[in-house]
């Protein structure tokens, strides 16, 4: 019976040691889980910050798109004005050419009449 008591005592010591060891491991695991929770909270904060920055970037891109649309409208207007100016210059050039052609024709007629008159007088 003494031998049985010794065995039971050894078993109890082993169980006590195992419980102490298991308790330390569970405490260690709890600490690691707390650390992991803190890291996940930190990651969540960073994700929130990134989301806010992406929203801000989206707003800026929308603003840029609106400005590009406005610029496109202004460029279209400028090109229309440029086309109008080109048409006006072409019309003015044609009008001036027609006027100059009539004037040169009249001058040529006048010079021809002068030559005829000078020839009749024997001056040339």
PDB file of N, CA and C in Angstrom:
ATOM      1  N   UNK A   1       0.800  -1.159   0.000  1.00  0.00           N
ATOM      2  CA  UNK A   1       0.000   0.000   0.000  1.00  0.00           C
ATOM      3  C   UNK A   1       0.872   1.263   0.000  1.00  0.00           C
ATOM      4  N   UNK A   2       1.970   1.205   0.677  1.00  0.00           N
ATOM      5  CA  UNK A   2       2.877   2.346   0.652  1.00  0.00           C
ATOM      6  C   UNK A   2       3.335   2.633  -0.788  1.00  0.00           C
ATOM      7  N   UNK A   3       3.504   1.573  -1.492  1.00  0.00           N
ATOM      8  CA  UNK A   3       3.934   1.744  -2.886  1.00  0.00           C
ATOM      9  C   UNK A   3       2.827   2.429  -3.673  1.00  0.00           C
ATOM     10  N   UNK A   4       1.575   2.098  -3.448  1.00  0.00           N
ATOM     11  CA  UNK A   4       0.435   2.710  -4.128  1.00  0.00           C
ATOM     12  C   UNK A   4       0.324   4.182  -3.778  1.00  0.00           C
ATOM     13  N   UNK A   5       0.588   4.509  -2.507  1.00  0.00           N
ATOM     14  CA  UNK A   5       0.535   5.902  -2.070  1.00  0.00           C
ATOM     15  C   UNK A   5       1.646   6.682  -2.765  1.00  0.00           C
ATOM     16  N   UNK A   6       2.818   6.078  -2.881  1.00  0.00           N
ATOM     17  CA  UNK A   6       3.955   6.731  -3.552  1.00  0.00           C
ATOM     18  C   UNK A   6       3.599   7.016  -5.015  1.00  0.00           C
ATOM     19  N   UNK A   7       2.992   6.043  -5.662  1.00  0.00           N
ATOM     20  CA  UNK A   7       2.623   6.205  -7.084  1.00  0.00           C
ATOM     21  C   UNK A   7       1.585   7.305  -7.209  1.00  0.00           C
ATOM     22  N   UNK A   8       0.579   7.291  -6.327  1.00  0.00           N
ATOM     23  CA  UNK A   8      -0.448   8.337  -6.370  1.00  0.00           C
ATOM     24  C   UNK A   8       0.172   9.710  -6.103  1.00  0.00           C
ATOM     25  N   UNK A   9       1.125   9.761  -5.158  1.00  0.00           N
ATOM     26  CA  UNK A   9       1.794  11.016  -4.849  1.00  0.00           C
ATOM     27  C   UNK A   9       2.560  11.510  -6.074  1.00  0.00           C
ATOM     28  N   UNK A  10       3.271  10.607  -6.752  1.00  0.00           N
ATOM     29  CA  UNK A  10       4.014  10.973  -7.965  1.00  0.00           C
ATOM     30  C   UNK A  10       3.060  11.472  -9.056  1.00  0.00           C
ATOM     31  N   UNK A  11       1.932  10.791  -9.163  1.00  0.00           N
ATOM     32  CA  UNK A  11       0.940  11.197 -10.168  1.00  0.00           C
ATOM     33  C   UNK A  11       0.411  12.591  -9.835  1.00  0.00           C
ATOM     34  N   UNK A  12       0.122  12.848  -8.555  1.00  0.00           N
ATOM     35  CA  UNK A  12      -0.383  14.161  -8.150  1.00  0.00           C
ATOM     36  C   UNK A  12       0.653  15.255  -8.402  1.00  0.00           C
ATOM     37  N   UNK A  13       1.909  14.957  -8.115  1.00  0.00           N
ATOM     38  CA  UNK A  13       2.979  15.939  -8.373  1.00  0.00           C
ATOM     39  C   UNK A  13       3.067  16.218  -9.870  1.00  0.00           C
ATOM     40  N   UNK A  14       2.987  15.163 -10.673  1.00  0.00           N
ATOM     41  CA  UNK A  14       3.066  15.330 -12.129  1.00  0.00           C
ATOM     42  C   UNK A  14       1.878  16.148 -12.637  1.00  0.00           C
ATOM     43  N   UNK A  15       0.682  15.870 -12.112  1.00  0.00           N
ATOM     44  CA  UNK A  15      -0.514  16.612 -12.530  1.00  0.00           C
ATOM     45  C   UNK A  15      -0.383  18.066 -12.109  1.00  0.00           C
ATOM     46  N   UNK A  16       0.131  18.306 -10.864  1.00  0.00           N
ATOM     47  CA  UNK A  16       0.310  19.670 -10.384  1.00  0.00           C
ATOM     48  C   UNK A  16       1.304  20.411 -11.284  1.00  0.00           C
ATOM     49  N   UNK A  17       2.410  19.767 -11.626  1.00  0.00           N
ATOM     50  CA  UNK A  17       3.420  20.373 -12.501  1.00  0.00           C
ATOM     51  C   UNK A  17       2.811  20.655 -13.872  1.00  0.00           C
ATOM     52  N   UNK A  18       2.033  19.700 -14.372  1.00  0.00           N
ATOM     53  CA  UNK A  18       1.403  19.857 -15.678  1.00  0.00           C
ATOM     54  C   UNK A  18       0.423  21.034 -15.641  1.00  0.00           C
ATOM     55  N   UNK A  19      -0.339  21.164 -14.561  1.00  0.00           N
ATOM     56  CA  UNK A  19      -1.285  22.283 -14.444  1.00  0.00           C
ATOM     57  C   UNK A  19      -0.550  23.616 -14.388  1.00  0.00           C
ATOM     58  N   UNK A  20       0.551  23.675 -13.633  1.00  0.00           N
ATOM     59  CA  UNK A  20       1.328  24.912 -13.554  1.00  0.00           C
ATOM     60  C   UNK A  20       1.909  25.257 -14.922  1.00  0.00           C
ATOM     61  N   UNK A  21       2.441  24.275 -15.600  1.00  0.00           N
ATOM     62  CA  UNK A  21       3.023  24.473 -16.924  1.00  0.00           C
ATOM     63  C   UNK A  21       1.940  24.894 -17.914  1.00  0.00           C
ATOM     64  N   UNK A  22       0.792  24.228 -17.847  1.00  0.00           N
ATOM     65  CA  UNK A  22      -0.318  24.554 -18.737  1.00  0.00           C
ATOM     66  C   UNK A  22      -0.828  25.966 -18.445  1.00  0.00           C
ATOM     67  N   UNK A  23      -0.898  26.345 -17.172  1.00  0.00           N
ATOM     68  CA  UNK A  23      -1.340  27.700 -16.805  1.00  0.00           C
ATOM     69  C   UNK A  23      -0.410  28.752 -17.374  1.00  0.00           C
ATOM     70  N   UNK A  24       0.900  28.515 -17.303  1.00  0.00           N
ATOM     71  CA  UNK A  24       1.873  29.469 -17.848  1.00  0.00           C
ATOM     72  C   UNK A  24       1.717  29.569 -19.362  1.00  0.00           C
ATOM     73  N   UNK A  25       1.511  28.406 -19.987  1.00  0.00           N
ATOM     74  CA  UNK A  25       1.335  28.417 -21.446  1.00  0.00           C
ATOM     75  C   UNK A  25       0.051  29.146 -21.821  1.00  0.00           C
ATOM     76  N   UNK A  26      -1.014  28.977 -21.050  1.00  0.00           N
ATOM     77  CA  UNK A  26      -2.274  29.664 -21.342  1.00  0.00           C
ATOM     78  C   UNK A  26      -2.111  31.166 -21.129  1.00  0.00           C
ATOM     79  N   UNK A  27      -1.363  31.567 -20.082  1.00  0.00           N
ATOM     80  CA  UNK A  27      -1.092  32.985 -19.871  1.00  0.00           C
ATOM     81  C   UNK A  27      -0.308  33.555 -21.048  1.00  0.00           C
ATOM     82  N   UNK A  28       0.695  32.813 -21.494  1.00  0.00           N
ATOM     83  CA  UNK A  28       1.510  33.228 -22.633  1.00  0.00           C
ATOM     84  C   UNK A  28       0.636  33.352 -23.887  1.00  0.00           C
ATOM     85  N   UNK A  29      -0.243  32.366 -24.088  1.00  0.00           N
ATOM     86  CA  UNK A  29      -1.148  32.403 -25.237  1.00  0.00           C
ATOM     87  C   UNK A  29      -2.083  33.608 -25.133  1.00  0.00           C
ATOM     88  N   UNK A  30      -2.581  33.900 -23.926  1.00  0.00           N
ATOM     89  CA  UNK A  30      -3.440  35.077 -23.723  1.00  0.00           C
ATOM     90  C   UNK A  30      -2.711  36.359 -24.060  1.00  0.00           C
ATOM     91  N   UNK A  31      -1.438  36.463 -23.643  1.00  0.00           N
ATOM     92  CA  UNK A  31      -0.641  37.653 -23.961  1.00  0.00           C
ATOM     93  C   UNK A  31      -0.472  37.800 -25.470  1.00  0.00           C
ATOM     94  N   UNK A  32      -0.203  36.673 -26.122  1.00  0.00           N
ATOM     95  CA  UNK A  32      -0.024  36.716 -27.581  1.00  0.00           C
ATOM     96  C   UNK A  32      -1.324  37.112 -28.273  1.00  0.00           C
ATOM     97  N   UNK A  33      -2.457  36.632 -27.768  1.00  0.00           N
ATOM     98  CA  UNK A  33      -3.744  37.000 -28.361  1.00  0.00           C
ATOM     99  C   UNK A  33      -4.027  38.483 -28.137  1.00  0.00           C
ATOM    100  N   UNK A  34      -3.666  39.012 -26.955  1.00  0.00           N
ATOM    101  CA  UNK A  34      -3.825  40.448 -26.707  1.00  0.00           C
ATOM    102  C   UNK A  34      -2.971  41.255 -27.674  1.00  0.00           C
ATOM    103  N   UNK A  35      -1.730  40.801 -27.876  1.00  0.00           N
ATOM    104  CA  UNK A  35      -0.824  41.474 -28.801  1.00  0.00           C
ATOM    105  C   UNK A  35      -1.385  41.430 -30.220  1.00  0.00           C
ATOM    106  N   UNK A  36      -1.912  40.267 -30.600  1.00  0.00           N
ATOM    107  CA  UNK A  36      -2.499  40.124 -31.933  1.00  0.00           C
ATOM    108  C   UNK A  36      -3.712  41.042 -32.073  1.00  0.00           C
ATOM    109  N   UNK A  37      -4.529  41.137 -31.023  1.00  0.00           N
ATOM    110  CA  UNK A  37      -5.685  42.037 -31.057  1.00  0.00           C
ATOM    111  C   UNK A  37      -5.262  43.479 -31.248  1.00  0.00           C
ATOM    112  N   UNK A  38      -4.198  43.893 -30.551  1.00  0.00           N
ATOM    113  CA  UNK A  38      -3.695  45.263 -30.686  1.00  0.00           C
ATOM    114  C   UNK A  38      -3.196  45.507 -32.109  1.00  0.00           C
ATOM    115  N   UNK A  39      -2.497  44.504 -32.660  1.00  0.00           N
ATOM    116  CA  UNK A  39      -1.997  44.645 -34.030  1.00  0.00           C
ATOM    117  C   UNK A  39      -3.154  44.720 -35.020  1.00  0.00           C
ATOM    118  N   UNK A  40      -4.201  43.940 -34.785  1.00  0.00           N
ATOM    119  CA  UNK A  40      -5.361  43.980 -35.676  1.00  0.00           C
ATOM    120  C   UNK A  40      -6.079  45.321 -35.562  1.00  0.00           C
ATOM    121  N   UNK A  41      -6.162  45.880 -34.349  1.00  0.00           N
ATOM    122  CA  UNK A  41      -6.745  47.211 -34.181  1.00  0.00           C
ATOM    123  C   UNK A  41      -5.929  48.245 -34.944  1.00  0.00           C
ATOM    124  N   UNK A  42      -4.606  48.151 -34.830  1.00  0.00           N
ATOM    125  CA  UNK A  42      -3.716  49.065 -35.535  1.00  0.00           C
ATOM    126  C   UNK A  42      -3.913  48.928 -37.046  1.00  0.00           C
ATOM    127  N   UNK A  43      -4.012  47.688 -37.515  1.00  0.00           N
ATOM    128  CA  UNK A  43      -4.231  47.454 -38.942  1.00  0.00           C
ATOM    129  C   UNK A  43      -5.576  48.033 -39.370  1.00  0.00           C
ATOM    130  N   UNK A  44      -6.597  47.864 -38.522  1.00  0.00           N
ATOM    131  CA  UNK A  44      -7.909  48.442 -38.829  1.00  0.00           C
ATOM    132  C   UNK A  44      -7.842  49.954 -38.944  1.00  0.00           C
ATOM    133  N   UNK A  45      -7.093  50.585 -38.031  1.00  0.00           N
ATOM    134  CA  UNK A  45      -6.930  52.040 -38.087  1.00  0.00           C
ATOM    135  C   UNK A  45      -6.239  52.452 -39.382  1.00  0.00           C
ATOM    136  N   UNK A  46      -5.218  51.695 -39.754  1.00  0.00           N
ATOM    137  CA  UNK A  46      -4.497  52.008 -40.993  1.00  0.00           C
ATOM    138  C   UNK A  46      -5.402  51.813 -42.204  1.00  0.00           C
ATOM    139  N   UNK A  47      -6.232  50.778 -42.173  1.00  0.00           N
ATOM    140  CA  UNK A  47      -7.168  50.544 -43.276  1.00  0.00           C
ATOM    141  C   UNK A  47      -8.178  51.695 -43.363  1.00  0.00           C
ATOM    142  N   UNK A  48      -8.655  52.166 -42.207  1.00  0.00           N
ATOM    143  CA  UNK A  48      -9.579  53.305 -42.198  1.00  0.00           C
ATOM    144  C   UNK A  48      -8.906  54.537 -42.787  1.00  0.00           C
ATOM    145  N   UNK A  49      -7.648  54.771 -42.390  1.00  0.00           N
ATOM    146  CA  UNK A  49      -6.896  55.911 -42.902  1.00  0.00           C
ATOM    147  C   UNK A  49      -6.708  55.788 -44.416  1.00  0.00           C
ATOM    148  N   UNK A  50      -6.381  54.579 -44.863  1.00  0.00           N
ATOM    149  CA  UNK A  50      -6.200  54.352 -46.295  1.00  0.00           C
ATOM    150  C   UNK A  50      -7.510  54.580 -47.036  1.00  0.00           C
ATOM    151  N   UNK A  51      -8.617  54.119 -46.455  1.00  0.00           N
ATOM    152  CA  UNK A  51      -9.924  54.340 -47.081  1.00  0.00           C
ATOM    153  C   UNK A  51     -10.234  55.820 -47.216  1.00  0.00           C
ATOM    154  N   UNK A  52      -9.927  56.589 -46.172  1.00  0.00           N
ATOM    155  CA  UNK A  52     -10.162  58.036 -46.216  1.00  0.00           C
ATOM    156  C   UNK A  52      -9.299  58.683 -47.297  1.00  0.00           C
ATOM    157  N   UNK A  53      -8.051  58.238 -47.389  1.00  0.00           N
ATOM    158  CA  UNK A  53      -7.160  58.792 -48.413  1.00  0.00           C
ATOM    159  C   UNK A  53      -7.648  58.426 -49.808  1.00  0.00           C
ATOM    160  N   UNK A  54      -8.158  57.222 -49.968  1.00  0.00           N
ATOM    161  CA  UNK A  54      -8.678  56.816 -51.278  1.00  0.00           C
ATOM    162  C   UNK A  54      -9.933  57.617 -51.626  1.00  0.00           C
ATOM    163  N   UNK A  55     -10.787  57.885 -50.633  1.00  0.00           N
ATOM    164  CA  UNK A  55     -11.957  58.732 -50.874  1.00  0.00           C
ATOM    165  C   UNK A  55     -11.514  60.121 -51.310  1.00  0.00           C
ATOM    166  N   UNK A  56     -10.504  60.662 -50.630  1.00  0.00           N
ATOM    167  CA  UNK A  56      -9.974  61.981 -50.967  1.00  0.00           C
ATOM    168  C   UNK A  56      -9.416  61.979 -52.388  1.00  0.00           C
ATOM    169  N   UNK A  57      -8.687  60.916 -52.724  1.00  0.00           N
ATOM    170  CA  UNK A  57      -8.135  60.805 -54.072  1.00  0.00           C
ATOM    171  C   UNK A  57      -9.258  60.734 -55.098  1.00  0.00           C
ATOM    172  N   UNK A  58     -10.307  59.975 -54.783  1.00  0.00           N
ATOM    173  CA  UNK A  58     -11.454  59.892 -55.693  1.00  0.00           C
ATOM    174  C   UNK A  58     -12.095  61.253 -55.907  1.00  0.00           C
ATOM    175  N   UNK A  59     -12.237  62.024 -54.826  1.00  0.00           N
ATOM    176  CA  UNK A  59     -12.805  63.368 -54.943  1.00  0.00           C
ATOM    177  C   UNK A  59     -11.929  64.248 -55.823  1.00  0.00           C
ATOM    178  N   UNK A  60     -10.620  64.142 -55.630  1.00  0.00           N
ATOM    179  CA  UNK A  60      -9.704  64.951 -56.443  1.00  0.00           C
ATOM    180  C   UNK A  60      -9.766  64.535 -57.911  1.00  0.00           C
ATOM    181  N   UNK A  61      -9.899  63.242 -58.156  1.00  0.00           N
ATOM    182  CA  UNK A  61     -10.003  62.778 -59.542  1.00  0.00           C
ATOM    183  C   UNK A  61     -11.308  63.266 -60.174  1.00  0.00           C
ATOM    184  N   UNK A  62     -12.399  63.268 -59.401  1.00  0.00           N
ATOM    185  CA  UNK A  62     -13.662  63.802 -59.908  1.00  0.00           C
ATOM    186  C   UNK A  62     -13.515  65.279 -60.248  1.00  0.00           C
ATOM    187  N   UNK A  63     -12.843  66.022 -59.361  1.00  0.00           N
ATOM    188  CA  UNK A  63     -12.619  67.446 -59.587  1.00  0.00           C
ATOM    189  C   UNK A  63     -11.768  67.661 -60.839  1.00  0.00           C
ATOM    190  N   UNK A  64     -10.742  66.844 -60.989  1.00  0.00           N
ATOM    191  CA  UNK A  64      -9.887  66.950 -62.167  1.00  0.00           C
ATOM    192  C   UNK A  64     -10.680  66.647 -63.429  1.00  0.00           C
ATOM    193  N   UNK A  65     -11.537  65.627 -63.365  1.00  0.00           N
ATOM    194  CA  UNK A  65     -12.373  65.293 -64.525  1.00  0.00           C
ATOM    195  C   UNK A  65     -13.278  66.450 -64.906  1.00  0.00           C
ATOM    196  N   UNK A  66     -13.869  67.107 -63.910  1.00  0.00           N
ATOM    197  CA  UNK A  66     -14.738  68.256 -64.182  1.00  0.00           C
ATOM    198  C   UNK A  66     -13.938  69.389 -64.821  1.00  0.00           C
ATOM    199  N   UNK A  67     -12.722  69.614 -64.313  1.00  0.00           N
ATOM    200  CA  UNK A  67     -11.881  70.668 -64.886  1.00  0.00           C
ATOM    201  C   UNK A  67     -11.477  70.326 -66.314  1.00  0.00           C
ATOM    202  N   UNK A  68     -11.212  69.037 -66.567  1.00  0.00           N
ATOM    203  CA  UNK A  68     -10.860  68.618 -67.930  1.00  0.00           C
ATOM    204  C   UNK A  68     -12.051  68.830 -68.870  1.00  0.00           C
ATOM    205  N   UNK A  69     -13.261  68.519 -68.393  1.00  0.00           N
ATOM    206  CA  UNK A  69     -14.458  68.745 -69.203  1.00  0.00           C
ATOM    207  C   UNK A  69     -14.608  70.229 -69.519  1.00  0.00           C
ATOM    208  N   UNK A  70     -14.386  71.071 -68.509  1.00  0.00           N
ATOM    209  CA  UNK A  70     -14.478  72.513 -68.701  1.00  0.00           C
ATOM    210  C   UNK A  70     -13.433  72.986 -69.709  1.00  0.00           C
ATOM    211  N   UNK A  71     -12.224  72.464 -69.578  1.00  0.00           N
ATOM    212  CA  UNK A  71     -11.155  72.829 -70.506  1.00  0.00           C
ATOM    213  C   UNK A  71     -11.510  72.390 -71.917  1.00  0.00           C
ATOM    214  N   UNK A  72     -12.081  71.192 -72.044  1.00  0.00           N
ATOM    215  CA  UNK A  72     -12.490  70.709 -73.364  1.00  0.00           C
ATOM    216  C   UNK A  72     -13.521  71.633 -73.990  1.00  0.00           C
ATOM    217  N   UNK A  73     -14.484  72.106 -73.185  1.00  0.00           N
ATOM    218  CA  UNK A  73     -15.492  73.039 -73.690  1.00  0.00           C
ATOM    219  C   UNK A  73     -14.860  74.346 -74.134  1.00  0.00           C
ATOM    220  N   UNK A  74     -13.904  74.840 -73.357  1.00  0.00           N
ATOM    221  CA  UNK A  74     -13.229  76.085 -73.711  1.00  0.00           C
ATOM    222  C   UNK A  74     -12.411  75.911 -74.988  1.00  0.00           C
ATOM    223  N   UNK A  75     -11.787  74.747 -75.134  1.00  0.00           N
ATOM    224  CA  UNK A  75     -11.002  74.499 -76.348  1.00  0.00           C
ATOM    225  C   UNK A  75     -11.922  74.422 -77.565  1.00  0.00           C
ATOM    226  N   UNK A  76     -13.092  73.788 -77.415  1.00  0.00           N
ATOM    227  CA  UNK A  76     -14.051  73.736 -78.518  1.00  0.00           C
ATOM    228  C   UNK A  76     -14.479  75.143 -78.910  1.00  0.00           C
ATOM    229  N   UNK A  77     -14.759  75.979 -77.907  1.00  0.00           N
ATOM    230  CA  UNK A  77     -15.156  77.360 -78.165  1.00  0.00           C
ATOM    231  C   UNK A  77     -14.034  78.113 -78.879  1.00  0.00           C
ATOM    232  N   UNK A  78     -12.792  77.902 -78.432  1.00  0.00           N
ATOM    233  CA  UNK A  78     -11.654  78.573 -79.048  1.00  0.00           C
ATOM    234  C   UNK A  78     -11.497  78.134 -80.507  1.00  0.00           C
ATOM    235  N   UNK A  79     -11.679  76.840 -80.765  1.00  0.00           N
ATOM    236  CA  UNK A  79     -11.556  76.353 -82.139  1.00  0.00           C
ATOM    237  C   UNK A  79     -12.669  76.919 -83.019  1.00  0.00           C
ATOM    238  N   UNK A  80     -13.877  77.051 -82.474  1.00  0.00           N
ATOM    239  CA  UNK A  80     -14.967  77.663 -83.240  1.00  0.00           C
ATOM    240  C   UNK A  80     -14.623  79.107 -83.582  1.00  0.00           C
ATOM    241  N   UNK A  81     -14.093  79.849 -82.606  1.00  0.00           N
ATOM    242  CA  UNK A  81     -13.707  81.238 -82.855  1.00  0.00           C
ATOM    243  C   UNK A  81     -12.581  81.316 -83.884  1.00  0.00           C
ATOM    244  N   UNK A  82     -11.656  80.368 -83.800  1.00  0.00           N
ATOM    245  CA  UNK A  82     -10.554  80.338 -84.756  1.00  0.00           C
ATOM    246  C   UNK A  82     -11.097  80.074 -86.163  1.00  0.00           C
ATOM    247  N   UNK A  83     -12.047  79.145 -86.283  1.00  0.00           N
ATOM    248  CA  UNK A  83     -12.660  78.874 -87.588  1.00  0.00           C
ATOM    249  C   UNK A  83     -13.368  80.119 -88.119  1.00  0.00           C
ATOM    250  N   UNK A  84     -14.086  80.840 -87.234  1.00  0.00           N
ATOM    251  CA  UNK A  84     -14.763  82.074 -87.646  1.00  0.00           C
ATOM    252  C   UNK A  84     -13.748  83.104 -88.129  1.00  0.00           C
ATOM    253  N   UNK A  85     -12.636  83.236 -87.418  1.00  0.00           N
ATOM    254  CA  UNK A  85     -11.604  84.199 -87.793  1.00  0.00           C
ATOM    255  C   UNK A  85     -10.994  83.834 -89.145  1.00  0.00           C
ATOM    256  N   UNK A  86     -10.732  82.557 -89.361  1.00  0.00           N
ATOM    257  CA  UNK A  86     -10.170  82.111 -90.642  1.00  0.00           C
ATOM    258  C   UNK A  86     -11.138  82.438 -91.775  1.00  0.00           C
ATOM    259  N   UNK A  87     -12.427  82.190 -91.556  1.00  0.00           N
ATOM    260  CA  UNK A  87     -13.435  82.490 -92.575  1.00  0.00           C
ATOM    261  C   UNK A  87     -13.459  83.987 -92.869  1.00  0.00           C
ATOM    262  N   UNK A  88     -13.411  84.817 -91.812  1.00  0.00           N
ATOM    263  CA  UNK A  88     -13.421  86.268 -92.015  1.00  0.00           C
ATOM    264  C   UNK A  88     -12.184  86.732 -92.777  1.00  0.00           C
ATOM    265  N   UNK A  89     -11.024  86.183 -92.438  1.00  0.00           N
ATOM    266  CA  UNK A  89      -9.790  86.570 -93.136  1.00  0.00           C
ATOM    267  C   UNK A  89      -9.866  86.156 -94.601  1.00  0.00           C
ATOM    268  N   UNK A  90     -10.367  84.955 -94.866  1.00  0.00           N
ATOM    269  CA  UNK A  90     -10.496  84.501 -96.261  1.00  0.00           C
ATOM    270  C   UNK A  90     -11.456  85.401 -97.032  1.00  0.00           C
ATOM    271  N   UNK A  91     -12.593  85.758 -96.406  1.00  0.00           N
ATOM    272  CA  UNK A  91     -13.562  86.631 -97.072  1.00  0.00           C
ATOM    273  C   UNK A  91     -12.962  88.006 -97.328  1.00  0.00           C
ATOM    274  N   UNK A  92     -12.247  88.559 -96.334  1.00  0.00           N
ATOM    275  CA  UNK A  92     -11.629  89.876 -96.503  1.00  0.00           C
ATOM    276  C   UNK A  92     -10.567  89.824 -97.599  1.00  0.00           C
ATOM    277  N   UNK A  93      -9.811  88.758 -97.646  1.00  0.00           N
ATOM    278  CA  UNK A  93      -8.774  88.597 -98.671  1.00  0.00           C
ATOM    279  C   UNK A  93      -9.408  88.521-100.058  1.00  0.00           C
ATOM    280  N   UNK A  94     -10.508  87.786-100.167  1.00  0.00           N
ATOM    281  CA  UNK A  94     -11.199  87.655-101.458  1.00  0.00           C
ATOM    282  C   UNK A  94     -11.760  89.008-101.884  1.00  0.00           C
ATOM    283  N   UNK A  95     -12.378  89.731-100.924  1.00  0.00           N
ATOM    284  CA  UNK A  95     -12.920  91.055-101.242  1.00  0.00           C
ATOM    285  C   UNK A  95     -11.808  91.990-101.706  1.00  0.00           C
ATOM    286  N   UNK A  96     -10.666  91.985-100.999  1.00  0.00           N
ATOM    287  CA  UNK A  96      -9.539  92.838-101.375  1.00  0.00           C
ATOM    288  C   UNK A  96      -8.998  92.442-102.742  1.00  0.00           C
ATOM    289  N   UNK A  97      -8.908  91.150-103.008  1.00  0.00           N
ATOM    290  CA  UNK A  97      -8.409  90.671-104.308  1.00  0.00           C
ATOM    291  C   UNK A  97      -9.341  91.124-105.428  1.00  0.00           C
ATOM    292  N   UNK A  98     -10.651  90.974-105.207  1.00  0.00           N
ATOM    293  CA  UNK A  98     -11.609  91.416-106.225  1.00  0.00           C
ATOM    294  C   UNK A  98     -11.477  92.918-106.474  1.00  0.00           C
ATOM    295  N   UNK A  99     -11.343  93.699-105.388  1.00  0.00           N
ATOM    296  CA  UNK A  99     -11.197  95.150-105.509  1.00  0.00           C
ATOM    297  C   UNK A  99      -9.916  95.487-106.272  1.00  0.00           C
ATOM    298  N   UNK A 100      -8.805  94.838-105.896  1.00  0.00           N
ATOM    299  CA  UNK A 100      -7.519  95.120-106.548  1.00  0.00           C
ATOM    300  C   UNK A 100      -7.552  94.701-108.019  1.00  0.00           C
ATOM    301  N   UNK A 101      -8.202  93.580-108.319  1.00  0.00           N
ATOM    302  CA  UNK A 101      -8.312  93.152-109.722  1.00  0.00           C
ATOM    303  C   UNK A 101      -9.054  94.209-110.543  1.00  0.00           C
ATOM    304  N   UNK A 102     -10.140  94.747-109.992  1.00  0.00           N
ATOM    305  CA  UNK A 102     -10.894  95.793-110.710  1.00  0.00           C
ATOM    306  C   UNK A 102     -10.032  97.052-110.893  1.00  0.00           C
ATOM    307  N   UNK A 103      -9.289  97.434-109.844  1.00  0.00           N
ATOM    308  CA  UNK A 103      -8.443  98.631-109.920  1.00  0.00           C
ATOM    309  C   UNK A 103      -7.336  98.442-110.951  1.00  0.00           C
ATOM    310  N   UNK A 104      -6.678  97.270-110.927  1.00  0.00           N
ATOM    311  CA  UNK A 104      -5.602  97.019-111.896  1.00  0.00           C
ATOM    312  C   UNK A 104      -6.152  96.999-113.322  1.00  0.00           C
ATOM    313  N   UNK A 105      -7.329  96.431-113.478  1.00  0.00           N
ATOM    314  CA  UNK A 105      -7.944  96.404-114.819  1.00  0.00           C
ATOM    315  C   UNK A 105      -8.200  97.834-115.301  1.00  0.00           C
ATOM    316  N   UNK A 106      -8.696  98.674-114.395  1.00  0.00           N
ATOM    317  CA  UNK A 106      -8.961 100.073-114.754  1.00  0.00           C
ATOM    318  C   UNK A 106      -7.659 100.799-115.061  1.00  0.00           C
ATOM    319  N   UNK A 107      -6.606 100.539-114.273  1.00  0.00           N
ATOM    320  CA  UNK A 107      -5.301 101.174-114.515  1.00  0.00           C
ATOM    321  C   UNK A 107      -4.742 100.719-115.854  1.00  0.00           C
ATOM    322  N   UNK A 108      -4.862  99.432-116.166  1.00  0.00           N
ATOM    323  CA  UNK A 108      -4.366  98.917-117.445  1.00  0.00           C
ATOM    324  C   UNK A 108      -5.098  99.578-118.612  1.00  0.00           C
ATOM    325  N   UNK A 109      -6.412  99.752-118.466  1.00  0.00           N
ATOM    326  CA  UNK A 109      -7.189 100.429-119.520  1.00  0.00           C
ATOM    327  C   UNK A 109      -6.706 101.872-119.670  1.00  0.00           C
ATOM    328  N   UNK A 110      -6.507 102.561-118.528  1.00  0.00           N
ATOM    329  CA  UNK A 110      -6.041 103.945-118.568  1.00  0.00           C
ATOM    330  C   UNK A 110      -4.656 104.044-119.208  1.00  0.00           C
ATOM    331  N   UNK A 111      -3.741 103.135-118.867  1.00  0.00           N
ATOM    332  CA  UNK A 111      -2.383 103.147-119.432  1.00  0.00           C
ATOM    333  C   UNK A 111      -2.455 102.880-120.938  1.00  0.00           C
ATOM    334  N   UNK A 112      -3.310 101.946-121.340  1.00  0.00           N
ATOM    335  CA  UNK A 112      -3.446 101.648-122.772  1.00  0.00           C
ATOM    336  C   UNK A 112      -3.968 102.871-123.519  1.00  0.00           C
ATOM    337  N   UNK A 113      -4.936 103.588-122.923  1.00  0.00           N
ATOM    338  CA  UNK A 113      -5.463 104.800-123.557  1.00  0.00           C
ATOM    339  C   UNK A 113      -4.384 105.878-123.638  1.00  0.00           C
ATOM    340  N   UNK A 114      -3.555 105.999-122.578  1.00  0.00           N
ATOM    341  CA  UNK A 114      -2.473 106.987-122.588  1.00  0.00           C
ATOM    342  C   UNK A 114      -1.462 106.660-123.675  1.00  0.00           C
ATOM    343  N   UNK A 115      -1.128 105.370-123.814  1.00  0.00           N
ATOM    344  CA  UNK A 115      -0.168 104.970-124.844  1.00  0.00           C
ATOM    345  C   UNK A 115      -0.717 105.307-126.227  1.00  0.00           C
ATOM    346  N   UNK A 116      -1.988 105.019-126.416  1.00  0.00           N
ATOM    347  CA  UNK A 116      -2.601 105.294-127.719  1.00  0.00           C
ATOM    348  C   UNK A 116      -2.553 106.800-128.001  1.00  0.00           C
ATOM    349  N   UNK A 117      -2.887 107.597-127.006  1.00  0.00           N
ATOM    350  CA  UNK A 117      -2.881 109.052-127.184  1.00  0.00           C
ATOM    351  C   UNK A 117      -1.464 109.553-127.447  1.00  0.00           C
ATOM    352  N   UNK A 118      -0.475 109.014-126.729  1.00  0.00           N
ATOM    353  CA  UNK A 118       0.913 109.440-126.930  1.00  0.00           C
ATOM    354  C   UNK A 118       1.418 109.026-128.308  1.00  0.00           C
ATOM    355  N   UNK A 119       0.984 107.847-128.767  1.00  0.00           N
ATOM    356  CA  UNK A 119       1.396 107.395-130.100  1.00  0.00           C
ATOM    357  C   UNK A 119       0.770 108.282-131.166  1.00  0.00           C
ATOM    358  N   UNK A 120      -0.483 108.647-130.968  1.00  0.00           N
ATOM    359  CA  UNK A 120      -1.156 109.507-131.947  1.00  0.00           C
ATOM    360  C   UNK A 120      -0.471 110.869-132.019  1.00  0.00           C
ATOM    361  N   UNK A 121       0.058 111.334-130.945  1.00  0.00           N
ATOM    362  CA  UNK A 121       0.738 112.625-130.896  1.00  0.00           C
ATOM    363  C   UNK A 121       2.186 112.478-131.331  1.00  0.00           C
ATOM    364  N   UNK A 122       2.634 111.216-131.484  1.00  0.00           N
ATOM    365  CA  UNK A 122       3.992 110.958-131.912  1.00  0.00           C
ATOM    366  C   UNK A 122       5.014 111.142-130.819  1.00  0.00           C
ATOM    367  N   UNK A 123       4.582 111.085-129.593  1.00  0.00           N
ATOM    368  CA  UNK A 123       5.510 111.261-128.490  1.00  0.00           C
ATOM    369  C   UNK A 123       6.216 109.962-128.107  1.00  0.00           C
ATOM    370  N   UNK A 124       5.654 108.871-128.501  1.00  0.00           N
ATOM    371  CA  UNK A 124       6.372 107.617-128.259  1.00  0.00           C
ATOM    372  C   UNK A 124       6.374 106.777-129.509  1.00  0.00           C
TER     373      UNK A 124
END
